[in-house]
Amino acid sequence: MRTKDGYSPRRLVIKQGKAGDTVLVLTADGAAKGKRGYHCEFTAPLAARPSGAAGSPLRIGPSSVKVGRPKSSCTPGAPTTLTIQPDGTLRRATAGGKSLTYKRG
């Protein structure tokens, strides 16, 4: 199922915790071509406590698949690190150096 703007529903939750605690949960549901649909849940721990310096980013990751139906729709790629930037955007970077920046919609 897709929303009217063409995107599959996603829900991102980030909560407080100590380094090593699971602080991020991303849930994605949608239609898969030729299949009933998919449901994926990804989790990620807080990588390290922020330095406390003004503008220091929050680093989360790497993420892993907690629930995947079907599993083939939820296969994780390379580990990623999520960084919440001071302007509120979320940057996702892979170990291979590729990155995407997400803005609140």
C-alpha atoms as a PDB file:
ATOM      1  CA  MET A   1       0.000   0.000   0.000  1.00  0.00           C
ATOM      2  CA  ARG A   2       1.287   3.444  -0.912  1.00  0.00           C
ATOM      3  CA  THR A   3       0.242   6.818   0.376  1.00  0.00           C
ATOM      4  CA  LYS A   4      -1.301   9.347  -2.008  1.00  0.00           C
ATOM      5  CA  ASP A   5       2.132  10.938  -2.542  1.00  0.00           C
ATOM      6  CA  GLY A   6       3.525   7.596  -3.793  1.00  0.00           C
ATOM      7  CA  TYR A   7       5.597   6.638  -0.746  1.00  0.00           C
ATOM      8  CA  SER A   8       5.194   3.503   1.333  1.00  0.00           C
ATOM      9  CA  PRO A   9       4.294   4.213   4.970  1.00  0.00           C
ATOM     10  CA  ARG A  10       7.305   4.548   7.250  1.00  0.00           C
ATOM     11  CA  ARG A  11       7.562   5.260  10.951  1.00  0.00           C
ATOM     12  CA  LEU A  12      10.786   6.400  12.588  1.00  0.00           C
ATOM     13  CA  VAL A  13      11.155   6.497  16.378  1.00  0.00           C
ATOM     14  CA  ILE A  14      14.293   7.805  18.096  1.00  0.00           C
ATOM     15  CA  LYS A  15      14.440   7.646  21.886  1.00  0.00           C
ATOM     16  CA  GLN A  16      16.948   8.477  24.605  1.00  0.00           C
ATOM     17  CA  GLY A  17      19.390   5.918  25.920  1.00  0.00           C
ATOM     18  CA  LYS A  18      22.971   5.128  26.835  1.00  0.00           C
ATOM     19  CA  ALA A  19      25.689   4.090  24.369  1.00  0.00           C
ATOM     20  CA  GLY A  20      24.837   0.578  23.183  1.00  0.00           C
ATOM     21  CA  ASP A  21      21.091   0.873  23.937  1.00  0.00           C
ATOM     22  CA  THR A  22      18.626   0.438  21.060  1.00  0.00           C
ATOM     23  CA  VAL A  23      17.475   4.002  20.434  1.00  0.00           C
ATOM     24  CA  LEU A  24      16.139   3.853  16.860  1.00  0.00           C
ATOM     25  CA  VAL A  25      13.273   1.825  15.391  1.00  0.00           C
ATOM     26  CA  LEU A  26      12.287   2.224  11.732  1.00  0.00           C
ATOM     27  CA  THR A  27       9.146   0.430  10.519  1.00  0.00           C
ATOM     28  CA  ALA A  28       8.347   0.202   6.805  1.00  0.00           C
ATOM     29  CA  ASP A  29       5.237  -1.356   5.245  1.00  0.00           C
ATOM     30  CA  GLY A  30       4.282  -1.491   1.611  1.00  0.00           C
ATOM     31  CA  ALA A  31       3.323  -3.438  -1.468  1.00  0.00           C
ATOM     32  CA  ALA A  32       5.928  -5.600  -3.122  1.00  0.00           C
ATOM     33  CA  LYS A  33       5.618  -6.254  -6.833  1.00  0.00           C
ATOM     34  CA  GLY A  34       3.879  -9.605  -7.343  1.00  0.00           C
ATOM     35  CA  LYS A  35       3.659 -10.229  -3.588  1.00  0.00           C
ATOM     36  CA  ARG A  36       1.206  -9.592  -0.773  1.00  0.00           C
ATOM     37  CA  GLY A  37       3.348  -6.841   0.692  1.00  0.00           C
ATOM     38  CA  TYR A  38       6.155  -6.404   3.144  1.00  0.00           C
ATOM     39  CA  HIS A  39       6.732  -5.386   6.742  1.00  0.00           C
ATOM     40  CA  CYS A  40      10.252  -4.526   7.894  1.00  0.00           C
ATOM     41  CA  GLU A  41      11.496  -3.327  11.269  1.00  0.00           C
ATOM     42  CA  PHE A  42      15.042  -2.062  11.646  1.00  0.00           C
ATOM     43  CA  THR A  43      16.704  -1.208  14.958  1.00  0.00           C
ATOM     44  CA  ALA A  44      19.949   0.573  15.793  1.00  0.00           C
ATOM     45  CA  PRO A  45      21.892   1.324  18.959  1.00  0.00           C
ATOM     46  CA  LEU A  46      23.357   4.625  20.101  1.00  0.00           C
ATOM     47  CA  ALA A  47      26.932   4.348  18.796  1.00  0.00           C
ATOM     48  CA  ALA A  48      28.491   6.739  21.312  1.00  0.00           C
ATOM     49  CA  ARG A  49      27.479   9.453  23.707  1.00  0.00           C
ATOM     50  CA  PRO A  50      27.508  12.896  21.995  1.00  0.00           C
ATOM     51  CA  SER A  51      30.462  15.077  22.960  1.00  0.00           C
ATOM     52  CA  GLY A  52      28.219  17.825  24.331  1.00  0.00           C
ATOM     53  CA  ALA A  53      29.875  20.485  22.182  1.00  0.00           C
ATOM     54  CA  ALA A  54      27.474  22.834  20.412  1.00  0.00           C
ATOM     55  CA  GLY A  55      26.480  21.345  17.058  1.00  0.00           C
ATOM     56  CA  SER A  56      27.959  17.912  17.746  1.00  0.00           C
ATOM     57  CA  PRO A  57      26.018  15.212  15.859  1.00  0.00           C
ATOM     58  CA  LEU A  58      24.243  12.239  17.404  1.00  0.00           C
ATOM     59  CA  ARG A  59      25.574   8.998  15.882  1.00  0.00           C
ATOM     60  CA  ILE A  60      23.309   5.958  15.713  1.00  0.00           C
ATOM     61  CA  GLY A  61      24.098   2.601  14.143  1.00  0.00           C
ATOM     62  CA  PRO A  62      24.814   0.289  12.540  1.00  0.00           C
ATOM     63  CA  SER A  63      21.240  -0.862  12.008  1.00  0.00           C
ATOM     64  CA  SER A  64      19.950  -4.424  11.751  1.00  0.00           C
ATOM     65  CA  VAL A  65      16.709  -6.122  10.706  1.00  0.00           C
ATOM     66  CA  LYS A  66      14.546  -7.023  13.728  1.00  0.00           C
ATOM     67  CA  VAL A  67      11.490  -8.284  11.770  1.00  0.00           C
ATOM     68  CA  GLY A  68      11.254  -9.007   8.047  1.00  0.00           C
ATOM     69  CA  ARG A  69       8.239 -10.373   6.142  1.00  0.00           C
ATOM     70  CA  PRO A  70       9.158 -11.607   3.622  1.00  0.00           C
ATOM     71  CA  LYS A  71      12.825 -11.719   4.565  1.00  0.00           C
ATOM     72  CA  SER A  72      13.868 -11.015   0.965  1.00  0.00           C
ATOM     73  CA  SER A  73      12.254  -7.551   1.196  1.00  0.00           C
ATOM     74  CA  CYS A  74      14.157  -6.620   4.341  1.00  0.00           C
ATOM     75  CA  THR A  75      17.688  -7.758   3.687  1.00  0.00           C
ATOM     76  CA  PRO A  76      20.006  -5.185   5.194  1.00  0.00           C
ATOM     77  CA  GLY A  77      22.770  -3.713   3.100  1.00  0.00           C
ATOM     78  CA  ALA A  78      26.086  -2.528   4.462  1.00  0.00           C
ATOM     79  CA  PRO A  79      26.019  -1.200   8.026  1.00  0.00           C
ATOM     80  CA  THR A  80      24.875   2.399   8.202  1.00  0.00           C
ATOM     81  CA  THR A  81      25.426   5.237  10.604  1.00  0.00           C
ATOM     82  CA  LEU A  82      22.662   7.767  11.167  1.00  0.00           C
ATOM     83  CA  THR A  83      23.650  11.271  12.186  1.00  0.00           C
ATOM     84  CA  ILE A  84      21.126  13.833  13.379  1.00  0.00           C
ATOM     85  CA  GLN A  85      22.507  17.154  12.174  1.00  0.00           C
ATOM     86  CA  PRO A  86      22.188  20.410  14.154  1.00  0.00           C
ATOM     87  CA  ASP A  87      19.599  21.666  11.608  1.00  0.00           C
ATOM     88  CA  GLY A  88      17.361  18.654  12.355  1.00  0.00           C
ATOM     89  CA  THR A  89      18.057  16.702   9.154  1.00  0.00           C
ATOM     90  CA  LEU A  90      18.972  13.024   9.368  1.00  0.00           C
ATOM     91  CA  ARG A  91      22.013  11.812   7.420  1.00  0.00           C
ATOM     92  CA  ARG A  92      22.453   8.109   6.629  1.00  0.00           C
ATOM     93  CA  ALA A  93      25.935   6.987   5.570  1.00  0.00           C
ATOM     94  CA  THR A  94      27.100   3.511   4.532  1.00  0.00           C
ATOM     95  CA  ALA A  95      30.489   2.039   5.331  1.00  0.00           C
ATOM     96  CA  GLY A  96      31.263   2.430   1.599  1.00  0.00           C
ATOM     97  CA  GLY A  97      30.949   6.218   1.795  1.00  0.00           C
ATOM     98  CA  LYS A  98      27.514   6.708   0.181  1.00  0.00           C
ATOM     99  CA  SER A  99      25.129   8.977   2.046  1.00  0.00           C
ATOM    100  CA  LEU A 100      21.587  10.370   1.935  1.00  0.00           C
ATOM    101  CA  THR A 101      20.097  13.270   3.860  1.00  0.00           C
ATOM    102  CA  TYR A 102      16.465  13.150   4.971  1.00  0.00           C
ATOM    103  CA  LYS A 103      14.378  16.212   5.749  1.00  0.00           C
ATOM    104  CA  ARG A 104      11.139  16.263   7.675  1.00  0.00           C
ATOM    105  CA  GLY A 105       8.259  16.131   5.200  1.00  0.00           C
END
